[in-house]
N, C-alpha and C. Protein backbone atom coordinates (compact mmCIF):
# COMPACT_ATOMS: atom_id res chain seq x y z
N UNK A 1 -5.20 12.47 36.63
CA UNK A 1 -6.09 11.48 36.04
C UNK A 1 -5.87 10.13 36.72
N UNK A 2 -6.95 9.49 37.12
CA UNK A 2 -6.87 8.15 37.66
C UNK A 2 -6.82 7.17 36.49
N UNK A 3 -5.75 6.38 36.44
CA UNK A 3 -5.58 5.43 35.34
C UNK A 3 -6.30 4.12 35.63
N UNK A 4 -6.66 3.45 34.55
CA UNK A 4 -7.33 2.17 34.68
C UNK A 4 -6.42 1.12 35.31
N UNK A 5 -5.12 1.31 35.17
CA UNK A 5 -4.16 0.38 35.76
C UNK A 5 -3.57 0.93 37.06
N UNK A 6 -4.38 1.64 37.82
CA UNK A 6 -3.93 2.22 39.08
C UNK A 6 -3.32 1.16 40.00
N UNK A 7 -2.34 1.60 40.78
CA UNK A 7 -1.69 0.70 41.74
C UNK A 7 -2.44 0.64 43.08
N UNK A 8 -3.45 1.48 43.22
CA UNK A 8 -4.26 1.46 44.44
C UNK A 8 -5.17 0.23 44.41
N UNK A 9 -5.00 -0.73 45.31
CA UNK A 9 -5.75 -1.99 45.21
C UNK A 9 -7.26 -1.81 45.32
N UNK A 10 -7.71 -0.90 46.19
CA UNK A 10 -9.16 -0.69 46.32
C UNK A 10 -9.74 -0.08 45.05
N UNK A 11 -9.07 0.94 44.53
CA UNK A 11 -9.54 1.55 43.28
C UNK A 11 -9.51 0.54 42.14
N UNK A 12 -8.49 -0.30 42.10
CA UNK A 12 -8.38 -1.30 41.04
C UNK A 12 -9.57 -2.26 41.07
N UNK A 13 -9.98 -2.69 42.28
CA UNK A 13 -11.14 -3.58 42.41
C UNK A 13 -12.41 -2.88 41.96
N UNK A 14 -12.60 -1.63 42.41
CA UNK A 14 -13.82 -0.88 42.05
C UNK A 14 -13.88 -0.63 40.55
N UNK A 15 -12.75 -0.26 39.96
CA UNK A 15 -12.72 -0.02 38.52
C UNK A 15 -12.99 -1.31 37.77
N UNK A 16 -12.46 -2.43 38.28
CA UNK A 16 -12.70 -3.72 37.64
C UNK A 16 -14.17 -4.11 37.66
N UNK A 17 -14.83 -3.93 38.81
CA UNK A 17 -16.25 -4.25 38.92
C UNK A 17 -17.07 -3.36 37.98
N UNK A 18 -16.80 -2.05 38.03
CA UNK A 18 -17.48 -1.10 37.15
C UNK A 18 -17.27 -1.48 35.68
N UNK A 19 -16.04 -1.82 35.33
CA UNK A 19 -15.73 -2.14 33.94
C UNK A 19 -16.44 -3.39 33.45
N UNK A 20 -16.44 -4.44 34.27
CA UNK A 20 -17.04 -5.69 33.83
C UNK A 20 -18.57 -5.60 33.79
N UNK A 21 -19.17 -4.89 34.72
CA UNK A 21 -20.64 -4.74 34.69
C UNK A 21 -21.07 -4.00 33.43
N UNK A 22 -20.51 -2.82 33.21
CA UNK A 22 -20.95 -2.00 32.09
C UNK A 22 -20.38 -2.49 30.75
N UNK A 23 -19.18 -3.08 30.80
CA UNK A 23 -18.62 -3.65 29.58
C UNK A 23 -19.43 -4.82 29.07
N UNK A 24 -19.84 -5.70 29.99
CA UNK A 24 -20.66 -6.84 29.60
C UNK A 24 -22.02 -6.38 29.07
N UNK A 25 -22.62 -5.39 29.73
CA UNK A 25 -23.90 -4.85 29.26
C UNK A 25 -23.77 -4.25 27.87
N UNK A 26 -22.69 -3.52 27.63
CA UNK A 26 -22.49 -2.90 26.31
C UNK A 26 -22.27 -3.98 25.25
N UNK A 27 -21.52 -5.03 25.58
CA UNK A 27 -21.28 -6.12 24.65
C UNK A 27 -22.59 -6.82 24.29
N UNK A 28 -23.44 -7.05 25.29
CA UNK A 28 -24.74 -7.67 25.04
C UNK A 28 -25.60 -6.76 24.16
N UNK A 29 -25.59 -5.46 24.47
CA UNK A 29 -26.32 -4.49 23.65
C UNK A 29 -25.87 -4.57 22.19
N UNK A 30 -24.56 -4.61 21.97
CA UNK A 30 -24.03 -4.69 20.60
C UNK A 30 -24.51 -5.95 19.90
N UNK A 31 -24.51 -7.08 20.62
CA UNK A 31 -24.95 -8.34 20.04
C UNK A 31 -26.42 -8.26 19.62
N UNK A 32 -27.26 -7.73 20.49
CA UNK A 32 -28.69 -7.65 20.21
C UNK A 32 -28.95 -6.66 19.07
N UNK A 33 -28.34 -5.48 19.14
CA UNK A 33 -28.58 -4.44 18.13
C UNK A 33 -28.10 -4.91 16.76
N UNK A 34 -26.90 -5.51 16.72
CA UNK A 34 -26.34 -5.91 15.43
C UNK A 34 -27.16 -7.04 14.79
N UNK A 35 -27.83 -7.86 15.62
CA UNK A 35 -28.63 -8.96 15.07
C UNK A 35 -29.82 -8.46 14.27
N UNK A 36 -30.21 -7.20 14.46
CA UNK A 36 -31.33 -6.64 13.71
C UNK A 36 -30.89 -5.99 12.41
N UNK A 37 -29.59 -5.77 12.23
CA UNK A 37 -29.09 -5.01 11.08
C UNK A 37 -28.87 -5.92 9.88
N UNK A 38 -29.01 -5.35 8.70
CA UNK A 38 -28.65 -6.03 7.46
C UNK A 38 -27.26 -5.51 7.06
N UNK A 39 -26.24 -6.31 7.34
CA UNK A 39 -24.86 -5.85 7.15
C UNK A 39 -24.33 -6.37 5.83
N UNK A 40 -23.95 -5.44 4.96
CA UNK A 40 -23.34 -5.77 3.68
C UNK A 40 -21.83 -5.59 3.80
N UNK A 41 -21.09 -6.41 3.08
CA UNK A 41 -19.63 -6.31 3.13
C UNK A 41 -19.00 -7.30 4.09
N UNK A 42 -19.76 -8.29 4.57
CA UNK A 42 -19.22 -9.24 5.54
C UNK A 42 -18.09 -10.07 4.92
N UNK A 43 -18.20 -10.41 3.64
CA UNK A 43 -17.15 -11.20 2.99
C UNK A 43 -15.85 -10.41 2.92
N UNK A 44 -15.94 -9.12 2.61
CA UNK A 44 -14.76 -8.27 2.57
C UNK A 44 -14.16 -8.14 3.97
N UNK A 45 -15.02 -8.07 4.97
CA UNK A 45 -14.56 -8.01 6.36
C UNK A 45 -13.78 -9.26 6.72
N UNK A 46 -14.30 -10.43 6.39
CA UNK A 46 -13.62 -11.67 6.73
C UNK A 46 -12.30 -11.80 6.00
N UNK A 47 -12.26 -11.34 4.75
CA UNK A 47 -11.01 -11.36 4.00
C UNK A 47 -9.97 -10.47 4.66
N UNK A 48 -10.40 -9.31 5.13
CA UNK A 48 -9.49 -8.40 5.84
C UNK A 48 -8.93 -9.07 7.09
N UNK A 49 -9.79 -9.71 7.87
CA UNK A 49 -9.37 -10.28 9.14
C UNK A 49 -8.38 -11.43 8.98
N UNK A 50 -8.29 -11.97 7.78
CA UNK A 50 -7.33 -13.03 7.51
C UNK A 50 -5.99 -12.49 7.00
N UNK A 51 -5.88 -11.16 6.87
CA UNK A 51 -4.66 -10.55 6.32
C UNK A 51 -3.93 -9.77 7.41
N UNK A 52 -2.85 -9.09 7.03
CA UNK A 52 -2.15 -8.19 7.91
C UNK A 52 -2.63 -6.78 7.63
N UNK A 53 -2.91 -6.00 8.69
CA UNK A 53 -3.48 -4.68 8.45
C UNK A 53 -3.34 -3.78 9.67
N UNK A 54 -3.38 -2.48 9.38
CA UNK A 54 -3.64 -1.44 10.37
C UNK A 54 -4.92 -0.76 9.87
N UNK A 55 -6.01 -1.00 10.55
CA UNK A 55 -7.31 -0.51 10.11
C UNK A 55 -7.57 0.86 10.74
N UNK A 56 -7.93 1.85 9.92
CA UNK A 56 -8.15 3.19 10.43
C UNK A 56 -9.57 3.64 10.15
N UNK A 57 -10.14 4.39 11.08
CA UNK A 57 -11.51 4.89 10.95
C UNK A 57 -11.64 6.17 11.74
N UNK A 58 -12.74 6.88 11.52
CA UNK A 58 -13.04 8.05 12.33
C UNK A 58 -13.66 7.62 13.66
N UNK A 59 -13.47 8.42 14.68
CA UNK A 59 -13.99 8.11 16.01
C UNK A 59 -15.51 7.99 16.00
N UNK A 60 -16.18 8.74 15.14
CA UNK A 60 -17.64 8.69 15.09
C UNK A 60 -18.16 7.32 14.66
N UNK A 61 -17.31 6.50 14.04
CA UNK A 61 -17.74 5.19 13.54
C UNK A 61 -17.41 4.04 14.49
N UNK A 62 -16.96 4.33 15.71
CA UNK A 62 -16.56 3.25 16.61
C UNK A 62 -17.74 2.36 17.00
N UNK A 63 -18.92 2.95 17.24
CA UNK A 63 -20.08 2.11 17.55
C UNK A 63 -20.44 1.21 16.37
N UNK A 64 -20.36 1.75 15.17
CA UNK A 64 -20.60 0.94 13.98
C UNK A 64 -19.59 -0.20 13.90
N UNK A 65 -18.35 0.08 14.29
CA UNK A 65 -17.34 -0.97 14.29
C UNK A 65 -17.73 -2.10 15.25
N UNK A 66 -18.11 -1.74 16.48
CA UNK A 66 -18.49 -2.76 17.45
C UNK A 66 -19.70 -3.57 16.98
N UNK A 67 -20.61 -2.93 16.23
CA UNK A 67 -21.79 -3.62 15.73
C UNK A 67 -21.50 -4.52 14.55
N UNK A 68 -20.48 -4.19 13.77
CA UNK A 68 -20.25 -4.90 12.51
C UNK A 68 -19.05 -5.84 12.52
N UNK A 69 -18.24 -5.79 13.58
CA UNK A 69 -17.12 -6.72 13.73
C UNK A 69 -17.35 -7.55 14.99
N UNK A 70 -18.08 -8.66 14.89
CA UNK A 70 -18.47 -9.41 16.09
C UNK A 70 -17.33 -10.17 16.75
N UNK A 71 -16.23 -10.40 16.04
CA UNK A 71 -15.14 -11.18 16.62
C UNK A 71 -13.81 -10.75 16.02
N UNK A 72 -12.83 -10.52 16.89
CA UNK A 72 -11.49 -10.14 16.47
C UNK A 72 -10.49 -11.14 17.06
N UNK A 73 -9.35 -11.27 16.43
CA UNK A 73 -8.30 -12.12 16.98
C UNK A 73 -6.95 -11.56 16.60
N UNK A 74 -5.93 -11.95 17.35
CA UNK A 74 -4.55 -11.56 17.07
C UNK A 74 -4.42 -10.04 17.00
N UNK A 75 -4.95 -9.35 18.00
CA UNK A 75 -5.03 -7.89 17.98
C UNK A 75 -4.21 -7.26 19.10
N UNK A 76 -3.69 -6.06 18.82
CA UNK A 76 -3.15 -5.19 19.85
C UNK A 76 -3.69 -3.79 19.58
N UNK A 77 -4.29 -3.18 20.59
CA UNK A 77 -4.90 -1.86 20.44
C UNK A 77 -4.26 -0.87 21.39
N UNK A 78 -4.12 0.35 20.93
CA UNK A 78 -3.75 1.47 21.78
C UNK A 78 -5.04 2.10 22.27
N UNK A 79 -5.15 2.29 23.60
CA UNK A 79 -6.40 2.79 24.14
C UNK A 79 -6.16 3.75 25.29
N UNK A 80 -7.07 4.71 25.43
CA UNK A 80 -6.96 5.74 26.46
C UNK A 80 -6.90 5.09 27.85
N UNK A 81 -5.98 5.56 28.73
CA UNK A 81 -5.76 4.86 29.99
C UNK A 81 -6.64 5.31 31.16
N UNK A 82 -7.56 6.25 30.95
CA UNK A 82 -8.38 6.75 32.05
C UNK A 82 -9.31 5.67 32.59
N UNK A 83 -9.62 5.74 33.88
CA UNK A 83 -10.41 4.72 34.55
C UNK A 83 -11.77 4.48 33.90
N UNK A 84 -12.39 5.56 33.38
CA UNK A 84 -13.74 5.42 32.83
C UNK A 84 -13.77 4.64 31.52
N UNK A 85 -12.59 4.34 30.97
CA UNK A 85 -12.52 3.55 29.73
C UNK A 85 -12.57 2.04 29.98
N UNK A 86 -12.58 1.62 31.24
CA UNK A 86 -12.55 0.19 31.55
C UNK A 86 -13.67 -0.61 30.87
N UNK A 87 -14.93 -0.11 30.78
CA UNK A 87 -15.94 -0.90 30.06
C UNK A 87 -15.59 -1.14 28.60
N UNK A 88 -14.94 -0.18 27.95
CA UNK A 88 -14.52 -0.38 26.57
C UNK A 88 -13.40 -1.41 26.50
N UNK A 89 -12.48 -1.39 27.48
CA UNK A 89 -11.43 -2.39 27.52
C UNK A 89 -12.03 -3.79 27.68
N UNK A 90 -13.05 -3.89 28.51
CA UNK A 90 -13.72 -5.18 28.71
C UNK A 90 -14.43 -5.62 27.43
N UNK A 91 -15.12 -4.68 26.78
CA UNK A 91 -15.80 -5.00 25.52
C UNK A 91 -14.80 -5.50 24.48
N UNK A 92 -13.67 -4.83 24.37
CA UNK A 92 -12.63 -5.27 23.43
C UNK A 92 -12.16 -6.68 23.78
N UNK A 93 -11.99 -6.96 25.07
CA UNK A 93 -11.59 -8.30 25.51
C UNK A 93 -12.61 -9.34 25.06
N UNK A 94 -13.89 -9.02 25.24
CA UNK A 94 -14.95 -9.96 24.86
C UNK A 94 -15.02 -10.15 23.35
N UNK A 95 -14.57 -9.16 22.59
CA UNK A 95 -14.50 -9.27 21.14
C UNK A 95 -13.29 -10.05 20.67
N UNK A 96 -12.32 -10.24 21.57
CA UNK A 96 -11.14 -11.02 21.23
C UNK A 96 -9.82 -10.28 21.29
N UNK A 97 -9.85 -8.99 21.68
CA UNK A 97 -8.61 -8.22 21.78
C UNK A 97 -7.94 -8.55 23.11
N UNK A 98 -6.79 -9.20 23.05
CA UNK A 98 -6.12 -9.66 24.26
C UNK A 98 -4.91 -8.80 24.64
N UNK A 99 -4.60 -7.81 23.83
CA UNK A 99 -3.42 -6.98 24.10
C UNK A 99 -3.79 -5.51 23.99
N UNK A 100 -3.66 -4.78 25.10
CA UNK A 100 -3.93 -3.35 25.12
C UNK A 100 -2.66 -2.60 25.50
N UNK A 101 -2.37 -1.54 24.76
CA UNK A 101 -1.30 -0.61 25.12
C UNK A 101 -1.97 0.65 25.65
N UNK A 102 -1.85 0.88 26.94
CA UNK A 102 -2.57 1.98 27.57
C UNK A 102 -1.84 3.29 27.35
N UNK A 103 -2.44 4.16 26.54
CA UNK A 103 -1.83 5.45 26.26
C UNK A 103 -2.60 6.15 25.16
N UNK A 104 -2.47 7.47 25.11
CA UNK A 104 -3.12 8.28 24.08
C UNK A 104 -2.36 9.59 23.99
N UNK A 105 -2.76 10.46 23.09
CA UNK A 105 -2.09 11.74 22.94
C UNK A 105 -2.08 12.48 24.28
N UNK A 106 -0.89 12.78 24.77
CA UNK A 106 -0.76 13.49 26.04
C UNK A 106 -0.79 12.61 27.26
N UNK A 107 -1.00 11.30 27.07
CA UNK A 107 -1.08 10.36 28.21
C UNK A 107 -0.29 9.10 27.87
N UNK A 108 1.03 9.17 27.99
CA UNK A 108 1.91 8.03 27.68
C UNK A 108 1.72 7.54 26.25
N UNK A 109 1.39 8.46 25.34
CA UNK A 109 1.10 8.07 23.98
C UNK A 109 2.30 7.48 23.25
N UNK A 110 3.48 8.07 23.42
CA UNK A 110 4.67 7.57 22.72
C UNK A 110 5.01 6.16 23.16
N UNK A 111 4.91 5.91 24.47
CA UNK A 111 5.21 4.58 24.99
C UNK A 111 4.21 3.55 24.47
N UNK A 112 2.92 3.93 24.45
CA UNK A 112 1.89 3.02 23.96
C UNK A 112 2.07 2.74 22.47
N UNK A 113 2.42 3.78 21.70
CA UNK A 113 2.65 3.62 20.28
C UNK A 113 3.80 2.63 20.03
N UNK A 114 4.86 2.77 20.80
CA UNK A 114 6.01 1.86 20.65
C UNK A 114 5.59 0.42 20.96
N UNK A 115 4.74 0.23 21.95
CA UNK A 115 4.26 -1.11 22.30
C UNK A 115 3.44 -1.72 21.17
N UNK A 116 2.57 -0.89 20.56
CA UNK A 116 1.76 -1.38 19.45
C UNK A 116 2.64 -1.74 18.26
N UNK A 117 3.64 -0.89 17.97
CA UNK A 117 4.56 -1.18 16.86
C UNK A 117 5.25 -2.52 17.08
N UNK A 118 5.71 -2.78 18.29
CA UNK A 118 6.35 -4.06 18.57
C UNK A 118 5.37 -5.22 18.41
N UNK A 119 4.12 -5.00 18.82
CA UNK A 119 3.11 -6.04 18.65
C UNK A 119 2.82 -6.34 17.19
N UNK A 120 2.76 -5.29 16.38
CA UNK A 120 2.53 -5.48 14.94
C UNK A 120 3.70 -6.23 14.32
N UNK A 121 4.91 -5.85 14.70
CA UNK A 121 6.10 -6.56 14.18
C UNK A 121 6.08 -8.03 14.57
N UNK A 122 5.46 -8.33 15.72
CA UNK A 122 5.38 -9.72 16.19
C UNK A 122 4.25 -10.50 15.53
N UNK A 123 3.48 -9.84 14.66
CA UNK A 123 2.46 -10.56 13.90
C UNK A 123 1.02 -10.17 14.20
N UNK A 124 0.80 -9.20 15.10
CA UNK A 124 -0.56 -8.79 15.44
C UNK A 124 -1.05 -7.67 14.52
N UNK A 125 -2.36 -7.44 14.53
CA UNK A 125 -2.99 -6.36 13.78
C UNK A 125 -3.57 -5.34 14.75
N UNK A 126 -3.98 -4.18 14.22
CA UNK A 126 -4.53 -3.17 15.10
C UNK A 126 -5.58 -2.33 14.38
N UNK A 127 -6.36 -1.62 15.17
CA UNK A 127 -7.40 -0.71 14.68
C UNK A 127 -7.20 0.63 15.38
N UNK A 128 -7.27 1.73 14.60
CA UNK A 128 -6.99 3.05 15.15
C UNK A 128 -8.08 4.03 14.73
N UNK A 129 -8.70 4.69 15.71
CA UNK A 129 -9.58 5.84 15.43
C UNK A 129 -8.67 7.06 15.35
N UNK A 130 -8.41 7.53 14.14
CA UNK A 130 -7.30 8.44 13.91
C UNK A 130 -7.53 9.86 14.42
N UNK A 131 -8.77 10.22 14.77
CA UNK A 131 -9.00 11.54 15.35
C UNK A 131 -9.25 11.48 16.86
N UNK A 132 -9.01 10.33 17.48
CA UNK A 132 -9.18 10.18 18.92
C UNK A 132 -7.93 10.59 19.67
N UNK A 133 -8.02 10.62 21.01
CA UNK A 133 -9.19 10.25 21.80
C UNK A 133 -10.17 11.39 22.05
N UNK A 134 -9.81 12.64 21.67
CA UNK A 134 -10.68 13.77 22.02
C UNK A 134 -10.77 14.81 20.92
N UNK A 135 -10.49 14.41 19.69
CA UNK A 135 -10.67 15.31 18.57
C UNK A 135 -9.51 16.26 18.33
N UNK A 136 -9.75 17.28 17.51
CA UNK A 136 -11.00 17.66 16.85
C UNK A 136 -11.49 16.56 15.90
N UNK A 137 -12.83 16.52 15.68
CA UNK A 137 -13.38 15.46 14.83
C UNK A 137 -12.88 15.56 13.40
N UNK A 138 -12.58 14.38 12.84
CA UNK A 138 -12.14 14.23 11.46
C UNK A 138 -10.89 15.04 11.15
N UNK A 139 -10.01 15.13 12.14
CA UNK A 139 -8.68 15.70 11.97
C UNK A 139 -7.68 14.64 12.42
N UNK A 140 -7.01 14.03 11.46
CA UNK A 140 -6.17 12.87 11.75
C UNK A 140 -4.94 13.22 12.57
N UNK A 141 -4.62 12.35 13.50
CA UNK A 141 -3.33 12.38 14.19
C UNK A 141 -2.42 11.35 13.50
N UNK A 142 -1.10 11.50 13.65
CA UNK A 142 -0.19 10.72 12.81
C UNK A 142 0.12 9.31 13.30
N UNK A 143 -0.51 8.85 14.38
CA UNK A 143 -0.14 7.56 14.95
C UNK A 143 -0.21 6.40 13.98
N UNK A 144 -1.30 6.31 13.20
CA UNK A 144 -1.46 5.19 12.28
C UNK A 144 -0.39 5.21 11.19
N UNK A 145 -0.05 6.42 10.70
CA UNK A 145 1.00 6.51 9.69
C UNK A 145 2.34 6.06 10.27
N UNK A 146 2.62 6.46 11.50
CA UNK A 146 3.86 6.03 12.15
C UNK A 146 3.91 4.52 12.30
N UNK A 147 2.77 3.93 12.69
CA UNK A 147 2.73 2.46 12.80
C UNK A 147 3.04 1.80 11.47
N UNK A 148 2.41 2.29 10.40
CA UNK A 148 2.62 1.71 9.08
C UNK A 148 4.07 1.92 8.62
N UNK A 149 4.59 3.09 8.90
CA UNK A 149 5.96 3.41 8.48
C UNK A 149 6.99 2.55 9.20
N UNK A 150 6.77 2.33 10.49
CA UNK A 150 7.76 1.62 11.29
C UNK A 150 7.65 0.11 11.20
N UNK A 151 6.52 -0.40 10.66
CA UNK A 151 6.33 -1.84 10.59
C UNK A 151 6.31 -2.39 9.17
N UNK A 152 6.03 -1.52 8.19
CA UNK A 152 5.89 -1.99 6.82
C UNK A 152 4.54 -2.62 6.54
N UNK A 153 3.64 -2.63 7.52
CA UNK A 153 2.30 -3.18 7.34
C UNK A 153 1.39 -2.08 6.80
N UNK A 154 0.61 -2.35 5.75
CA UNK A 154 -0.25 -1.30 5.18
C UNK A 154 -1.40 -0.94 6.09
N UNK A 155 -1.84 0.30 5.96
CA UNK A 155 -3.07 0.67 6.65
C UNK A 155 -4.20 0.75 5.63
N UNK A 156 -5.43 0.49 6.12
CA UNK A 156 -6.60 0.48 5.26
C UNK A 156 -7.72 1.25 5.94
N UNK A 157 -8.44 1.98 5.16
CA UNK A 157 -9.51 2.81 5.70
C UNK A 157 -10.80 2.02 5.83
N UNK A 158 -11.44 2.13 7.00
CA UNK A 158 -12.76 1.55 7.22
C UNK A 158 -13.78 2.68 7.27
N UNK A 159 -14.82 2.56 6.46
CA UNK A 159 -15.90 3.55 6.50
C UNK A 159 -17.22 2.83 6.30
N UNK A 160 -18.31 3.56 6.45
CA UNK A 160 -19.63 2.96 6.40
C UNK A 160 -20.60 3.84 5.62
N UNK A 161 -21.56 3.21 4.98
CA UNK A 161 -22.78 3.89 4.58
C UNK A 161 -23.92 3.20 5.30
N UNK A 162 -24.98 3.94 5.54
CA UNK A 162 -26.07 3.41 6.36
C UNK A 162 -27.34 4.18 6.05
N UNK A 163 -28.44 3.59 6.47
CA UNK A 163 -29.74 4.24 6.30
C UNK A 163 -29.99 5.18 7.48
N UNK A 164 -31.18 5.15 8.00
CA UNK A 164 -31.52 6.06 9.10
C UNK A 164 -30.63 5.78 10.31
N UNK A 165 -30.29 6.83 11.02
CA UNK A 165 -29.36 6.67 12.13
C UNK A 165 -29.59 7.77 13.16
N UNK A 166 -29.03 7.53 14.33
CA UNK A 166 -28.98 8.52 15.40
C UNK A 166 -27.54 9.01 15.54
N UNK A 167 -27.39 10.16 16.17
CA UNK A 167 -26.07 10.61 16.57
C UNK A 167 -26.09 10.88 18.07
N UNK A 168 -25.11 10.34 18.76
CA UNK A 168 -25.02 10.52 20.20
C UNK A 168 -24.32 11.84 20.51
N UNK A 169 -24.29 12.21 21.78
CA UNK A 169 -23.62 13.43 22.19
C UNK A 169 -22.11 13.25 22.23
N UNK A 170 -21.44 14.26 22.71
CA UNK A 170 -19.98 14.20 22.79
C UNK A 170 -19.33 14.88 21.61
N UNK A 171 -18.02 15.00 21.68
CA UNK A 171 -17.29 15.74 20.64
C UNK A 171 -17.35 15.07 19.28
N UNK A 172 -17.50 13.73 19.25
CA UNK A 172 -17.42 13.01 17.98
C UNK A 172 -18.77 12.67 17.37
N UNK A 173 -19.87 12.88 18.12
CA UNK A 173 -21.22 12.61 17.60
C UNK A 173 -21.31 11.21 16.98
N UNK A 174 -21.02 10.19 17.77
CA UNK A 174 -21.00 8.82 17.27
C UNK A 174 -22.30 8.44 16.57
N UNK A 175 -22.16 7.66 15.51
CA UNK A 175 -23.29 7.21 14.71
C UNK A 175 -23.78 5.86 15.23
N UNK A 176 -25.10 5.73 15.38
CA UNK A 176 -25.69 4.43 15.66
C UNK A 176 -26.87 4.23 14.71
N UNK A 177 -26.84 3.17 13.90
CA UNK A 177 -27.93 2.97 12.93
C UNK A 177 -29.22 2.58 13.65
N UNK A 178 -30.34 2.91 13.03
CA UNK A 178 -31.62 2.51 13.61
C UNK A 178 -31.80 1.00 13.48
N UNK A 179 -32.65 0.45 14.32
CA UNK A 179 -32.94 -0.98 14.27
C UNK A 179 -33.45 -1.39 12.90
N UNK A 180 -33.02 -2.56 12.45
CA UNK A 180 -33.48 -3.18 11.21
C UNK A 180 -33.08 -2.40 9.95
N UNK A 181 -32.08 -1.57 10.06
CA UNK A 181 -31.63 -0.83 8.88
C UNK A 181 -30.44 -1.53 8.23
N UNK A 182 -30.03 -1.01 7.07
CA UNK A 182 -28.90 -1.57 6.32
C UNK A 182 -27.63 -0.79 6.66
N UNK A 183 -26.55 -1.54 6.80
CA UNK A 183 -25.22 -0.96 7.02
C UNK A 183 -24.26 -1.61 6.03
N UNK A 184 -23.49 -0.80 5.35
CA UNK A 184 -22.53 -1.32 4.39
C UNK A 184 -21.12 -1.03 4.88
N UNK A 185 -20.32 -2.07 5.04
CA UNK A 185 -18.92 -1.95 5.42
C UNK A 185 -18.10 -1.65 4.16
N UNK A 186 -17.26 -0.63 4.24
CA UNK A 186 -16.40 -0.29 3.12
C UNK A 186 -14.94 -0.31 3.60
N UNK A 187 -14.12 -1.13 2.97
CA UNK A 187 -12.72 -1.25 3.35
C UNK A 187 -11.86 -0.82 2.16
N UNK A 188 -11.07 0.21 2.35
CA UNK A 188 -10.26 0.75 1.28
C UNK A 188 -9.07 -0.13 0.95
N UNK A 189 -8.37 0.22 -0.13
CA UNK A 189 -7.20 -0.56 -0.54
C UNK A 189 -6.05 -0.38 0.43
N UNK A 190 -5.12 -1.34 0.48
CA UNK A 190 -3.97 -1.19 1.39
C UNK A 190 -3.05 -0.06 0.94
N UNK A 191 -2.61 0.75 1.90
CA UNK A 191 -1.70 1.86 1.66
C UNK A 191 -0.41 1.60 2.43
N UNK A 192 0.67 1.43 1.72
CA UNK A 192 1.97 1.20 2.35
C UNK A 192 2.72 2.52 2.47
N UNK A 193 3.33 2.75 3.62
CA UNK A 193 4.07 3.99 3.87
C UNK A 193 5.56 3.67 3.90
N UNK A 194 6.31 4.26 2.99
CA UNK A 194 7.75 4.04 2.96
C UNK A 194 8.43 4.64 4.19
N UNK A 195 9.58 4.07 4.54
CA UNK A 195 10.29 4.51 5.74
C UNK A 195 10.76 5.95 5.66
N UNK A 196 10.91 6.49 4.42
CA UNK A 196 11.37 7.87 4.28
C UNK A 196 10.23 8.85 3.97
N UNK A 197 8.98 8.38 4.06
CA UNK A 197 7.84 9.26 3.78
C UNK A 197 7.71 10.31 4.87
N UNK A 198 7.50 11.53 4.48
CA UNK A 198 7.26 12.61 5.44
C UNK A 198 5.92 12.40 6.12
N UNK A 199 5.93 12.39 7.45
CA UNK A 199 4.69 12.23 8.21
C UNK A 199 3.88 13.51 8.10
N UNK A 200 2.76 13.44 7.42
CA UNK A 200 2.01 14.62 7.05
C UNK A 200 0.53 14.40 7.36
N UNK A 201 0.01 15.11 8.37
CA UNK A 201 -1.39 14.95 8.75
C UNK A 201 -2.33 15.38 7.64
N UNK A 202 -1.94 16.40 6.87
CA UNK A 202 -2.79 16.86 5.78
C UNK A 202 -2.99 15.75 4.75
N UNK A 203 -1.93 15.00 4.47
CA UNK A 203 -2.02 13.89 3.52
C UNK A 203 -2.97 12.82 4.05
N UNK A 204 -2.87 12.52 5.34
CA UNK A 204 -3.75 11.52 5.94
C UNK A 204 -5.20 11.99 5.89
N UNK A 205 -5.45 13.28 6.22
CA UNK A 205 -6.81 13.81 6.16
C UNK A 205 -7.38 13.73 4.76
N UNK A 206 -6.56 14.06 3.76
CA UNK A 206 -7.01 14.02 2.37
C UNK A 206 -7.42 12.60 2.00
N UNK A 207 -6.61 11.62 2.40
CA UNK A 207 -6.92 10.23 2.09
C UNK A 207 -8.18 9.76 2.82
N UNK A 208 -8.31 10.14 4.09
CA UNK A 208 -9.46 9.71 4.88
C UNK A 208 -10.77 10.29 4.34
N UNK A 209 -10.72 11.46 3.73
CA UNK A 209 -11.92 12.10 3.21
C UNK A 209 -12.24 11.70 1.78
N UNK A 210 -11.39 10.88 1.15
CA UNK A 210 -11.51 10.63 -0.28
C UNK A 210 -12.32 9.39 -0.62
N UNK A 211 -12.90 8.70 0.38
CA UNK A 211 -13.62 7.46 0.11
C UNK A 211 -14.88 7.69 -0.70
N UNK A 212 -15.25 6.69 -1.50
CA UNK A 212 -16.46 6.77 -2.31
C UNK A 212 -17.59 6.08 -1.58
N UNK A 213 -18.78 6.64 -1.72
CA UNK A 213 -19.96 6.06 -1.10
C UNK A 213 -20.42 4.84 -1.87
N UNK A 214 -21.05 3.92 -1.16
CA UNK A 214 -21.65 2.74 -1.78
C UNK A 214 -23.14 2.79 -1.54
N UNK A 215 -23.91 2.66 -2.60
CA UNK A 215 -25.36 2.72 -2.46
C UNK A 215 -25.88 1.47 -1.75
N UNK A 216 -26.77 1.67 -0.79
CA UNK A 216 -27.34 0.54 -0.05
C UNK A 216 -28.41 -0.18 -0.89
């Protein structure tokens, strides 16, 4: 796998150009698309952003996240290190994420997790798509629980209700709401994980599936 942080200078330049062109285009797309949406839950979102948190969501909701969270600060994210992810890294930068730990399951994941834990201990927050980077869909991996356990910072579930929508291709079938539709942000209560809690994916899956819908 060619990593986004390759030491090959020519590849690094090409990946950088590719990332900034498509990352900027995607960021502009998000700005335009989100301006047409009626987003409910903005006050709850702003309250969350002023607190300490590990925010967790399903991978299918990542586009909704980019559309409904226009600005982030004081963030550290764990992200897949493959070269084709550079536009997403650029988009995150434009949203305000200044710290990336490059790694995922099977690709320097433990090292990246340790970096994120240290960042959280230093005062930063993070967001985790718990079934990423490649599924299976809606089957949680334990990274977010480990972060919460090792830092004492609670994790909170982010979910959405929405009107008409499309689903894109790929393993996660990402959701994108139709233009001019309503989207409701739902943020669950803080869940603190004790240092002696057994890391249990089944428990995480049960919690992730237990959210209540909000009528639009």
